[in-house]
């Protein structure tokens, strides 16, 4: 299970960097909204892959679990200070 967790995390990291590069270099977005969008894309990617591959034995994914996962991941990944940071 740890191998799957690491693989998903690494793929999410690469996806975030590629999305940030594409949004800033190709699409011309300012760095702050590009960072927020890239982080959110990586969070959604990681949630989907963790739910369906890493932790598939833990039951079906739910919106509640996604909200909890997203609320904890975004502030940490984007280095924002937030009262919701886990």
PDB file of N, CA and C in Angstrom:
ATOM      1  N   UNK A   1       0.819  -1.189   0.000  1.00  0.00           N
ATOM      2  CA  UNK A   1       0.000   0.000   0.000  1.00  0.00           C
ATOM      3  C   UNK A   1       0.868   1.259   0.000  1.00  0.00           C
ATOM      4  N   UNK A   2       1.987   1.246   0.697  1.00  0.00           N
ATOM      5  CA  UNK A   2       2.841   2.430   0.748  1.00  0.00           C
ATOM      6  C   UNK A   2       3.388   2.747  -0.634  1.00  0.00           C
ATOM      7  N   UNK A   3       3.662   1.721  -1.436  1.00  0.00           N
ATOM      8  CA  UNK A   3       4.164   1.940  -2.787  1.00  0.00           C
ATOM      9  C   UNK A   3       3.135   2.682  -3.622  1.00  0.00           C
ATOM     10  N   UNK A   4       1.873   2.264  -3.539  1.00  0.00           N
ATOM     11  CA  UNK A   4       0.816   2.941  -4.281  1.00  0.00           C
ATOM     12  C   UNK A   4       0.652   4.381  -3.810  1.00  0.00           C
ATOM     13  N   UNK A   5       0.726   4.589  -2.505  1.00  0.00           N
ATOM     14  CA  UNK A   5       0.603   5.930  -1.943  1.00  0.00           C
ATOM     15  C   UNK A   5       1.700   6.846  -2.494  1.00  0.00           C
ATOM     16  N   UNK A   6       2.918   6.348  -2.524  1.00  0.00           N
ATOM     17  CA  UNK A   6       4.056   7.131  -3.017  1.00  0.00           C
ATOM     18  C   UNK A   6       3.918   7.404  -4.514  1.00  0.00           C
ATOM     19  N   UNK A   7       3.490   6.417  -5.276  1.00  0.00           N
ATOM     20  CA  UNK A   7       3.317   6.594  -6.718  1.00  0.00           C
ATOM     21  C   UNK A   7       2.279   7.669  -7.004  1.00  0.00           C
ATOM     22  N   UNK A   8       1.135   7.592  -6.329  1.00  0.00           N
ATOM     23  CA  UNK A   8       0.076   8.597  -6.532  1.00  0.00           C
ATOM     24  C   UNK A   8       0.585   9.977  -6.141  1.00  0.00           C
ATOM     25  N   UNK A   9       1.269  10.088  -5.023  1.00  0.00           N
ATOM     26  CA  UNK A   9       1.800  11.368  -4.583  1.00  0.00           C
ATOM     27  C   UNK A   9       2.798  11.957  -5.569  1.00  0.00           C
ATOM     28  N   UNK A  10       3.689  11.122  -6.080  1.00  0.00           N
ATOM     29  CA  UNK A  10       4.680  11.593  -7.058  1.00  0.00           C
ATOM     30  C   UNK A  10       4.018  12.036  -8.357  1.00  0.00           C
ATOM     31  N   UNK A  11       3.032  11.273  -8.812  1.00  0.00           N
ATOM     32  CA  UNK A  11       2.312  11.666 -10.024  1.00  0.00           C
ATOM     33  C   UNK A  11       1.552  12.974  -9.814  1.00  0.00           C
ATOM     34  N   UNK A  12       0.964  13.145  -8.635  1.00  0.00           N
ATOM     35  CA  UNK A  12       0.281  14.396  -8.327  1.00  0.00           C
ATOM     36  C   UNK A  12       1.237  15.577  -8.310  1.00  0.00           C
ATOM     37  N   UNK A  13       2.424  15.371  -7.776  1.00  0.00           N
ATOM     38  CA  UNK A  13       3.448  16.413  -7.743  1.00  0.00           C
ATOM     39  C   UNK A  13       3.860  16.818  -9.158  1.00  0.00           C
ATOM     40  N   UNK A  14       4.108  15.827 -10.003  1.00  0.00           N
ATOM     41  CA  UNK A  14       4.489  16.101 -11.391  1.00  0.00           C
ATOM     42  C   UNK A  14       3.343  16.808 -12.121  1.00  0.00           C
ATOM     43  N   UNK A  15       2.122  16.356 -11.915  1.00  0.00           N
ATOM     44  CA  UNK A  15       0.957  16.989 -12.532  1.00  0.00           C
ATOM     45  C   UNK A  15       0.839  18.447 -12.098  1.00  0.00           C
ATOM     46  N   UNK A  16       1.046  18.710 -10.819  1.00  0.00           N
ATOM     47  CA  UNK A  16       0.971  20.078 -10.314  1.00  0.00           C
ATOM     48  C   UNK A  16       2.027  20.962 -10.971  1.00  0.00           C
ATOM     49  N   UNK A  17       3.253  20.480 -11.076  1.00  0.00           N
ATOM     50  CA  UNK A  17       4.314  21.261 -11.713  1.00  0.00           C
ATOM     51  C   UNK A  17       4.032  21.504 -13.190  1.00  0.00           C
ATOM     52  N   UNK A  18       3.575  20.480 -13.884  1.00  0.00           N
ATOM     53  CA  UNK A  18       3.259  20.637 -15.305  1.00  0.00           C
ATOM     54  C   UNK A  18       2.097  21.608 -15.514  1.00  0.00           C
ATOM     55  N   UNK A  19       1.076  21.505 -14.675  1.00  0.00           N
ATOM     56  CA  UNK A  19      -0.069  22.414 -14.787  1.00  0.00           C
ATOM     57  C   UNK A  19       0.354  23.843 -14.500  1.00  0.00           C
ATOM     58  N   UNK A  20       1.185  24.035 -13.486  1.00  0.00           N
ATOM     59  CA  UNK A  20       1.667  25.376 -13.167  1.00  0.00           C
ATOM     60  C   UNK A  20       2.488  25.943 -14.314  1.00  0.00           C
ATOM     61  N   UNK A  21       3.356  25.131 -14.879  1.00  0.00           N
ATOM     62  CA  UNK A  21       4.152  25.576 -16.022  1.00  0.00           C
ATOM     63  C   UNK A  21       3.252  25.940 -17.199  1.00  0.00           C
ATOM     64  N   UNK A  22       2.289  25.065 -17.517  1.00  0.00           N
ATOM     65  CA  UNK A  22       1.409  25.308 -18.659  1.00  0.00           C
ATOM     66  C   UNK A  22       0.563  26.567 -18.464  1.00  0.00           C
ATOM     67  N   UNK A  23       0.042  26.744 -17.269  1.00  0.00           N
ATOM     68  CA  UNK A  23      -0.814  27.902 -17.020  1.00  0.00           C
ATOM     69  C   UNK A  23      -0.036  29.214 -17.037  1.00  0.00           C
ATOM     70  N   UNK A  24       1.184  29.201 -16.520  1.00  0.00           N
ATOM     71  CA  UNK A  24       1.962  30.445 -16.497  1.00  0.00           C
ATOM     72  C   UNK A  24       2.680  30.694 -17.829  1.00  0.00           C
ATOM     73  N   UNK A  25       3.284  29.668 -18.399  1.00  0.00           N
ATOM     74  CA  UNK A  25       4.089  29.855 -19.614  1.00  0.00           C
ATOM     75  C   UNK A  25       3.270  29.848 -20.899  1.00  0.00           C
ATOM     76  N   UNK A  26       2.346  28.933 -21.003  1.00  0.00           N
ATOM     77  CA  UNK A  26       1.580  28.798 -22.248  1.00  0.00           C
ATOM     78  C   UNK A  26       0.309  29.648 -22.243  1.00  0.00           C
ATOM     79  N   UNK A  27      -0.394  29.656 -21.112  1.00  0.00           N
ATOM     80  CA  UNK A  27      -1.666  30.378 -21.042  1.00  0.00           C
ATOM     81  C   UNK A  27      -1.506  31.809 -20.548  1.00  0.00           C
ATOM     82  N   UNK A  28      -0.350  32.141 -19.994  1.00  0.00           N
ATOM     83  CA  UNK A  28      -0.090  33.496 -19.553  1.00  0.00           C
ATOM     84  C   UNK A  28      -0.797  33.920 -18.275  1.00  0.00           C
ATOM     85  N   UNK A  29      -1.187  32.951 -17.446  1.00  0.00           N
ATOM     86  CA  UNK A  29      -1.852  33.277 -16.186  1.00  0.00           C
ATOM     87  C   UNK A  29      -0.847  33.881 -15.210  1.00  0.00           C
ATOM     88  N   UNK A  30      -1.298  34.766 -14.323  1.00  0.00           N
ATOM     89  CA  UNK A  30      -0.443  35.198 -13.214  1.00  0.00           C
ATOM     90  C   UNK A  30      -0.146  34.006 -12.303  1.00  0.00           C
ATOM     91  N   UNK A  31       0.973  34.062 -11.589  1.00  0.00           N
ATOM     92  CA  UNK A  31       1.420  32.896 -10.819  1.00  0.00           C
ATOM     93  C   UNK A  31       0.462  32.496  -9.699  1.00  0.00           C
ATOM     94  N   UNK A  32      -0.201  33.448  -9.044  1.00  0.00           N
ATOM     95  CA  UNK A  32      -1.052  33.086  -7.909  1.00  0.00           C
ATOM     96  C   UNK A  32      -2.283  32.276  -8.324  1.00  0.00           C
ATOM     97  N   UNK A  33      -3.101  32.732  -9.278  1.00  0.00           N
ATOM     98  CA  UNK A  33      -4.229  31.887  -9.688  1.00  0.00           C
ATOM     99  C   UNK A  33      -3.776  30.594 -10.373  1.00  0.00           C
ATOM    100  N   UNK A  34      -2.644  30.652 -11.069  1.00  0.00           N
ATOM    101  CA  UNK A  34      -2.123  29.432 -11.696  1.00  0.00           C
ATOM    102  C   UNK A  34      -1.728  28.412 -10.637  1.00  0.00           C
ATOM    103  N   UNK A  35      -1.130  28.888  -9.557  1.00  0.00           N
ATOM    104  CA  UNK A  35      -0.755  27.991  -8.465  1.00  0.00           C
ATOM    105  C   UNK A  35      -1.991  27.371  -7.828  1.00  0.00           C
ATOM    106  N   UNK A  36      -3.000  28.181  -7.556  1.00  0.00           N
ATOM    107  CA  UNK A  36      -4.237  27.665  -6.951  1.00  0.00           C
ATOM    108  C   UNK A  36      -4.885  26.617  -7.846  1.00  0.00           C
ATOM    109  N   UNK A  37      -4.948  26.871  -9.141  1.00  0.00           N
ATOM    110  CA  UNK A  37      -5.551  25.914 -10.068  1.00  0.00           C
ATOM    111  C   UNK A  37      -4.721  24.634 -10.161  1.00  0.00           C
ATOM    112  N   UNK A  38      -3.405  24.773 -10.208  1.00  0.00           N
ATOM    113  CA  UNK A  38      -2.527  23.597 -10.296  1.00  0.00           C
ATOM    114  C   UNK A  38      -2.626  22.744  -9.038  1.00  0.00           C
ATOM    115  N   UNK A  39      -2.685  23.385  -7.888  1.00  0.00           N
ATOM    116  CA  UNK A  39      -2.818  22.654  -6.621  1.00  0.00           C
ATOM    117  C   UNK A  39      -4.151  21.913  -6.584  1.00  0.00           C
ATOM    118  N   UNK A  40      -5.217  22.578  -6.968  1.00  0.00           N
ATOM    119  CA  UNK A  40      -6.541  21.939  -6.945  1.00  0.00           C
ATOM    120  C   UNK A  40      -6.596  20.765  -7.906  1.00  0.00           C
ATOM    121  N   UNK A  41      -5.992  20.906  -9.073  1.00  0.00           N
ATOM    122  CA  UNK A  41      -5.936  19.798 -10.025  1.00  0.00           C
ATOM    123  C   UNK A  41      -5.206  18.604  -9.427  1.00  0.00           C
ATOM    124  N   UNK A  42      -4.095  18.857  -8.757  1.00  0.00           N
ATOM    125  CA  UNK A  42      -3.336  17.778  -8.125  1.00  0.00           C
ATOM    126  C   UNK A  42      -4.121  17.141  -6.977  1.00  0.00           C
ATOM    127  N   UNK A  43      -4.840  17.944  -6.219  1.00  0.00           N
ATOM    128  CA  UNK A  43      -5.648  17.414  -5.111  1.00  0.00           C
ATOM    129  C   UNK A  43      -6.737  16.490  -5.647  1.00  0.00           C
ATOM    130  N   UNK A  44      -7.426  16.916  -6.697  1.00  0.00           N
ATOM    131  CA  UNK A  44      -8.481  16.076  -7.291  1.00  0.00           C
ATOM    132  C   UNK A  44      -7.860  14.791  -7.853  1.00  0.00           C
ATOM    133  N   UNK A  45      -6.760  14.923  -8.550  1.00  0.00           N
ATOM    134  CA  UNK A  45      -6.047  13.752  -9.088  1.00  0.00           C
ATOM    135  C   UNK A  45      -5.707  12.762  -7.977  1.00  0.00           C
ATOM    136  N   UNK A  46      -5.086  13.264  -6.911  1.00  0.00           N
ATOM    137  CA  UNK A  46      -4.673  12.389  -5.819  1.00  0.00           C
ATOM    138  C   UNK A  46      -5.864  11.741  -5.137  1.00  0.00           C
ATOM    139  N   UNK A  47      -6.931  12.502  -4.919  1.00  0.00           N
ATOM    140  CA  UNK A  47      -8.114  11.921  -4.282  1.00  0.00           C
ATOM    141  C   UNK A  47      -8.674  10.774  -5.121  1.00  0.00           C
ATOM    142  N   UNK A  48      -8.860  11.022  -6.407  1.00  0.00           N
ATOM    143  CA  UNK A  48      -9.446   9.991  -7.274  1.00  0.00           C
ATOM    144  C   UNK A  48      -8.575   8.738  -7.290  1.00  0.00           C
ATOM    145  N   UNK A  49      -7.271   8.899  -7.475  1.00  0.00           N
ATOM    146  CA  UNK A  49      -6.397   7.734  -7.540  1.00  0.00           C
ATOM    147  C   UNK A  49      -6.264   7.031  -6.186  1.00  0.00           C
ATOM    148  N   UNK A  50      -6.196   7.786  -5.109  1.00  0.00           N
ATOM    149  CA  UNK A  50      -6.134   7.135  -3.800  1.00  0.00           C
ATOM    150  C   UNK A  50      -7.423   6.356  -3.519  1.00  0.00           C
ATOM    151  N   UNK A  51      -8.553   6.936  -3.815  1.00  0.00           N
ATOM    152  CA  UNK A  51      -9.822   6.259  -3.549  1.00  0.00           C
ATOM    153  C   UNK A  51     -10.001   5.003  -4.390  1.00  0.00           C
ATOM    154  N   UNK A  52      -9.586   5.056  -5.653  1.00  0.00           N
ATOM    155  CA  UNK A  52      -9.849   3.937  -6.555  1.00  0.00           C
ATOM    156  C   UNK A  52      -8.699   2.951  -6.696  1.00  0.00           C
ATOM    157  N   UNK A  53      -7.521   3.313  -6.183  1.00  0.00           N
ATOM    158  CA  UNK A  53      -6.387   2.404  -6.328  1.00  0.00           C
ATOM    159  C   UNK A  53      -5.710   2.133  -4.988  1.00  0.00           C
ATOM    160  N   UNK A  54      -5.278   3.164  -4.293  1.00  0.00           N
ATOM    161  CA  UNK A  54      -4.539   2.988  -3.055  1.00  0.00           C
ATOM    162  C   UNK A  54      -5.415   2.413  -1.953  1.00  0.00           C
ATOM    163  N   UNK A  55      -6.587   3.024  -1.749  1.00  0.00           N
ATOM    164  CA  UNK A  55      -7.458   2.633  -0.634  1.00  0.00           C
ATOM    165  C   UNK A  55      -8.788   2.078  -1.113  1.00  0.00           C
ATOM    166  N   UNK A  56      -8.784   1.308  -2.164  1.00  0.00           N
ATOM    167  CA  UNK A  56     -10.040   0.809  -2.715  1.00  0.00           C
ATOM    168  C   UNK A  56     -10.785  -0.108  -1.755  1.00  0.00           C
ATOM    169  N   UNK A  57     -10.090  -0.651  -0.755  1.00  0.00           N
ATOM    170  CA  UNK A  57     -10.727  -1.554   0.206  1.00  0.00           C
ATOM    171  C   UNK A  57     -11.455  -0.793   1.327  1.00  0.00           C
ATOM    172  N   UNK A  58     -11.430   0.518   1.321  1.00  0.00           N
ATOM    173  CA  UNK A  58     -12.029   1.314   2.397  1.00  0.00           C
ATOM    174  C   UNK A  58     -13.426   1.820   2.083  1.00  0.00           C
ATOM    175  N   UNK A  59     -14.063   1.256   1.118  1.00  0.00           N
ATOM    176  CA  UNK A  59     -15.422   1.679   0.792  1.00  0.00           C
ATOM    177  C   UNK A  59     -15.435   2.680  -0.347  1.00  0.00           C
ATOM    178  N   UNK A  60     -16.635   3.024  -0.714  1.00  0.00           N
ATOM    179  CA  UNK A  60     -16.832   3.920  -1.845  1.00  0.00           C
ATOM    180  C   UNK A  60     -16.534   5.374  -1.483  1.00  0.00           C
ATOM    181  N   UNK A  61     -15.981   6.099  -2.438  1.00  0.00           N
ATOM    182  CA  UNK A  61     -15.671   7.516  -2.224  1.00  0.00           C
ATOM    183  C   UNK A  61     -16.968   8.300  -2.033  1.00  0.00           C
ATOM    184  N   UNK A  62     -16.884   9.351  -1.250  1.00  0.00           N
ATOM    185  CA  UNK A  62     -18.062  10.185  -1.015  1.00  0.00           C
ATOM    186  C   UNK A  62     -17.676  11.655  -1.124  1.00  0.00           C
ATOM    187  N   UNK A  63     -18.672  12.497  -1.300  1.00  0.00           N
ATOM    188  CA  UNK A  63     -18.440  13.936  -1.353  1.00  0.00           C
ATOM    189  C   UNK A  63     -17.909  14.444  -0.023  1.00  0.00           C
ATOM    190  N   UNK A  64     -18.373  13.853   1.073  1.00  0.00           N
ATOM    191  CA  UNK A  64     -17.905  14.265   2.390  1.00  0.00           C
ATOM    192  C   UNK A  64     -16.412  13.979   2.533  1.00  0.00           C
ATOM    193  N   UNK A  65     -16.018  12.803   2.121  1.00  0.00           N
ATOM    194  CA  UNK A  65     -14.604  12.445   2.208  1.00  0.00           C
ATOM    195  C   UNK A  65     -13.762  13.334   1.291  1.00  0.00           C
ATOM    196  N   UNK A  66     -14.300  13.648   0.096  1.00  0.00           N
ATOM    197  CA  UNK A  66     -13.573  14.543  -0.799  1.00  0.00           C
ATOM    198  C   UNK A  66     -13.426  15.933  -0.183  1.00  0.00           C
ATOM    199  N   UNK A  67     -14.478  16.451   0.421  1.00  0.00           N
ATOM    200  CA  UNK A  67     -14.417  17.783   1.045  1.00  0.00           C
ATOM    201  C   UNK A  67     -13.378  17.801   2.157  1.00  0.00           C
ATOM    202  N   UNK A  68     -13.330  16.741   2.947  1.00  0.00           N
ATOM    203  CA  UNK A  68     -12.339  16.649   4.022  1.00  0.00           C
ATOM    204  C   UNK A  68     -10.925  16.560   3.447  1.00  0.00           C
ATOM    205  N   UNK A  69     -10.751  15.734   2.432  1.00  0.00           N
ATOM    206  CA  UNK A  69      -9.460  15.557   1.774  1.00  0.00           C
ATOM    207  C   UNK A  69      -9.010  16.863   1.135  1.00  0.00           C
ATOM    208  N   UNK A  70      -9.913  17.521   0.449  1.00  0.00           N
ATOM    209  CA  UNK A  70      -9.608  18.765  -0.240  1.00  0.00           C
ATOM    210  C   UNK A  70      -9.331  19.890   0.754  1.00  0.00           C
ATOM    211  N   UNK A  71     -10.098  19.966   1.794  1.00  0.00           N
ATOM    212  CA  UNK A  71      -9.907  21.014   2.795  1.00  0.00           C
ATOM    213  C   UNK A  71      -8.596  20.890   3.532  1.00  0.00           C
ATOM    214  N   UNK A  72      -8.121  19.685   3.701  1.00  0.00           N
ATOM    215  CA  UNK A  72      -6.839  19.481   4.385  1.00  0.00           C
ATOM    216  C   UNK A  72      -5.670  19.637   3.433  1.00  0.00           C
ATOM    217  N   UNK A  73      -5.837  19.227   2.205  1.00  0.00           N
ATOM    218  CA  UNK A  73      -4.719  19.226   1.260  1.00  0.00           C
ATOM    219  C   UNK A  73      -4.399  20.577   0.673  1.00  0.00           C
ATOM    220  N   UNK A  74      -5.411  21.356   0.331  1.00  0.00           N
ATOM    221  CA  UNK A  74      -5.149  22.621  -0.368  1.00  0.00           C
ATOM    222  C   UNK A  74      -4.333  23.603   0.459  1.00  0.00           C
ATOM    223  N   UNK A  75      -4.698  23.888   1.703  1.00  0.00           N
ATOM    224  CA  UNK A  75      -3.887  24.866   2.452  1.00  0.00           C
ATOM    225  C   UNK A  75      -2.438  24.433   2.636  1.00  0.00           C
ATOM    226  N   UNK A  76      -2.219  23.146   2.844  1.00  0.00           N
ATOM    227  CA  UNK A  76      -0.848  22.663   3.018  1.00  0.00           C
ATOM    228  C   UNK A  76      -0.070  22.710   1.714  1.00  0.00           C
ATOM    229  N   UNK A  77      -0.688  22.258   0.626  1.00  0.00           N
ATOM    230  CA  UNK A  77       0.022  22.198  -0.645  1.00  0.00           C
ATOM    231  C   UNK A  77       0.361  23.575  -1.178  1.00  0.00           C
ATOM    232  N   UNK A  78      -0.489  24.531  -0.950  1.00  0.00           N
ATOM    233  CA  UNK A  78      -0.258  25.861  -1.504  1.00  0.00           C
ATOM    234  C   UNK A  78       0.486  26.754  -0.529  1.00  0.00           C
ATOM    235  N   UNK A  79       0.827  26.232   0.652  1.00  0.00           N
ATOM    236  CA  UNK A  79       1.555  26.966   1.683  1.00  0.00           C
ATOM    237  C   UNK A  79       0.791  28.190   2.188  1.00  0.00           C
ATOM    238  N   UNK A  80      -0.528  28.083   2.145  1.00  0.00           N
ATOM    239  CA  UNK A  80      -1.359  29.174   2.648  1.00  0.00           C
ATOM    240  C   UNK A  80      -1.644  28.942   4.120  1.00  0.00           C
ATOM    241  N   UNK A  81      -1.754  30.005   4.853  1.00  0.00           N
ATOM    242  CA  UNK A  81      -2.160  29.887   6.253  1.00  0.00           C
ATOM    243  C   UNK A  81      -3.682  29.919   6.284  1.00  0.00           C
ATOM    244  N   UNK A  82      -4.237  28.936   6.923  1.00  0.00           N
ATOM    245  CA  UNK A  82      -5.691  28.837   6.933  1.00  0.00           C
ATOM    246  C   UNK A  82      -6.144  28.204   8.239  1.00  0.00           C
ATOM    247  N   UNK A  83      -7.283  28.651   8.766  1.00  0.00           N
ATOM    248  CA  UNK A  83      -7.805  28.000   9.968  1.00  0.00           C
ATOM    249  C   UNK A  83      -8.270  26.575   9.693  1.00  0.00           C
ATOM    250  N   UNK A  84      -8.441  26.224   8.424  1.00  0.00           N
ATOM    251  CA  UNK A  84      -8.898  24.877   8.070  1.00  0.00           C
ATOM    252  C   UNK A  84      -7.746  23.934   7.791  1.00  0.00           C
ATOM    253  N   UNK A  85      -6.529  24.401   7.861  1.00  0.00           N
ATOM    254  CA  UNK A  85      -5.375  23.535   7.600  1.00  0.00           C
ATOM    255  C   UNK A  85      -5.322  22.415   8.634  1.00  0.00           C
ATOM    256  N   UNK A  86      -5.105  21.212   8.159  1.00  0.00           N
ATOM    257  CA  UNK A  86      -5.084  20.041   9.054  1.00  0.00           C
ATOM    258  C   UNK A  86      -3.685  19.750   9.525  1.00  0.00           C
TER     259      UNK A  86
END
